[in-house]
Protein backbone atom coordinates (compact mmCIF):
# COMPACT_ATOMS: atom_id res chain seq x y z
CA MET A 1 66.80 -17.18 5.35
CA ALA A 2 66.97 -20.78 4.19
CA LYS A 3 63.20 -20.75 3.64
CA ILE A 4 63.46 -17.78 1.27
CA LYS A 5 66.41 -19.41 -0.46
CA ASN A 6 64.45 -22.64 -1.00
CA SER A 7 61.40 -20.78 -2.29
CA VAL A 8 63.55 -18.88 -4.79
CA TYR A 9 65.10 -22.15 -5.99
CA ASP A 10 61.66 -23.72 -6.29
CA LEU A 11 60.49 -20.77 -8.35
CA LEU A 12 63.52 -20.95 -10.63
CA LYS A 13 63.13 -24.72 -11.07
CA GLY A 14 59.45 -24.28 -11.95
CA LYS A 15 57.98 -26.48 -9.24
CA PHE A 16 54.85 -24.33 -9.19
CA LEU A 17 54.13 -25.59 -12.73
CA ILE A 18 54.42 -29.32 -12.00
CA GLU A 19 52.77 -29.66 -8.60
CA GLU A 20 49.31 -31.18 -8.13
CA ASP A 21 47.47 -27.84 -7.90
CA SER A 22 49.41 -26.31 -10.80
CA PHE A 23 46.29 -26.05 -13.01
CA LYS A 24 45.34 -22.69 -11.46
CA ASN A 25 48.92 -21.47 -12.06
CA TRP A 26 48.75 -22.52 -15.72
CA ARG A 27 45.40 -20.74 -16.15
CA PHE A 28 46.89 -17.57 -14.68
CA ILE A 29 49.96 -17.84 -16.93
CA PHE A 30 47.77 -18.29 -20.02
CA PHE A 31 45.69 -15.30 -18.94
CA ILE A 32 48.81 -13.16 -18.57
CA VAL A 33 50.17 -14.36 -21.94
CA GLY A 34 46.81 -13.49 -23.57
CA LEU A 35 46.91 -10.00 -22.06
CA VAL A 36 50.51 -9.50 -23.24
CA MET A 37 49.60 -10.58 -26.77
CA LEU A 38 46.61 -8.23 -26.75
CA MET A 39 48.82 -5.38 -25.58
CA ILE A 40 51.42 -6.08 -28.29
CA ALA A 41 48.72 -6.21 -30.99
CA SER A 42 47.25 -2.96 -29.73
CA GLY A 43 50.68 -1.31 -29.83
CA HIS A 44 51.27 -2.46 -33.40
CA ASN A 45 47.83 -1.23 -34.43
CA SER A 46 48.40 2.20 -32.91
CA ASP A 47 51.85 2.44 -34.56
CA LYS A 48 50.27 1.61 -37.90
CA LYS A 49 47.70 4.39 -37.45
CA VAL A 50 50.38 6.89 -36.44
CA MET A 51 52.36 6.08 -39.58
CA GLU A 52 49.24 6.49 -41.73
CA ILE A 53 48.48 9.86 -40.11
CA ALA A 54 52.04 11.04 -40.79
CA LYS A 55 51.75 9.95 -44.43
CA LEU A 56 48.43 11.75 -44.84
CA ASN A 57 49.81 14.92 -43.23
CA LYS A 58 52.73 14.86 -45.68
CA GLU A 59 50.30 14.42 -48.58
CA ILE A 60 48.19 17.35 -47.29
CA LYS A 61 51.26 19.59 -47.22
CA GLU A 62 52.18 18.61 -50.78
CA LEU A 63 48.65 19.21 -52.06
CA ARG A 64 48.47 22.56 -50.28
CA ALA A 65 51.77 23.63 -51.88
CA GLU A 66 50.49 22.52 -55.29
CA PHE A 67 47.27 24.48 -54.74
CA VAL A 68 49.14 27.67 -53.83
CA ASP A 69 51.42 27.27 -56.85
CA THR A 70 48.48 26.71 -59.22
CA ARG A 71 46.59 29.66 -57.75
CA SER A 72 49.58 31.98 -58.24
CA ILE A 73 49.95 30.84 -61.86
CA SER A 74 46.23 31.43 -62.40
CA MET A 75 46.48 34.93 -60.91
CA LYS A 76 49.39 35.76 -63.24
CA MET A 77 47.42 34.51 -66.25
CA LYS A 78 44.51 36.83 -65.36
CA LEU A 79 46.67 39.97 -65.44
CA GLU A 80 45.95 42.39 -68.29
CA SER A 81 49.60 42.56 -69.33
CA THR A 82 49.78 38.77 -69.69
CA ILE A 83 46.59 38.70 -71.72
CA LYS A 84 47.90 41.48 -74.00
CA THR A 85 51.13 39.61 -74.73
CA LYS A 86 49.25 36.38 -75.50
CA VAL A 87 46.83 38.20 -77.82
CA VAL A 88 49.68 39.99 -79.66
CA GLU A 89 51.35 36.62 -80.29
CA ILE A 90 48.17 35.44 -82.00
CA GLY A 91 48.11 38.58 -84.14
CA LEU A 92 45.28 40.53 -82.54
CA MET A 93 45.80 44.18 -81.73
CA PRO A 94 43.92 46.36 -79.29
CA SER A 95 41.25 48.55 -80.82
CA GLU A 96 42.26 52.14 -81.52
CA ASN A 97 38.66 53.37 -81.48
CA PRO A 98 36.83 53.31 -78.18
CA PRO A 99 33.72 51.19 -78.03
CA GLN A 100 30.43 52.87 -78.83
CA VAL A 101 27.20 52.36 -76.98
CA ILE A 102 24.28 51.23 -79.11
CA ARG A 103 20.88 52.10 -77.75
CA VAL A 104 17.80 50.38 -79.02
CA THR A 105 14.43 51.92 -78.44
CA SER A 106 11.41 49.87 -79.15
CA LYS A 107 7.84 50.96 -79.47
CA LYS A 108 5.17 48.88 -77.94
CA LEU A 109 2.43 47.89 -80.35
CA ASN A 110 -1.12 47.96 -79.01
């Protein structure tokens, strides 16, 4: 039990970092620190992409709503009743005489 207790104290004091063969321990620590930094950078990068995707999805929804609204306004403007009211405001009236068909016959010259 005393051996485990001493090894725990040595670990807490950091003896493994100051002993003669501590160079391999330092290399391992630097390797682990590098991996941790890489993992943190990767996490930040993925969070940034998720935020950008959410922003683009919100923009898509807004543009889709604007498209539907514009299409409904366009459909209302194409209705005959809407066109009649706009034309009456200008001062044009619908024709009381129905249109007549004009037929042109042409003779071929030899």
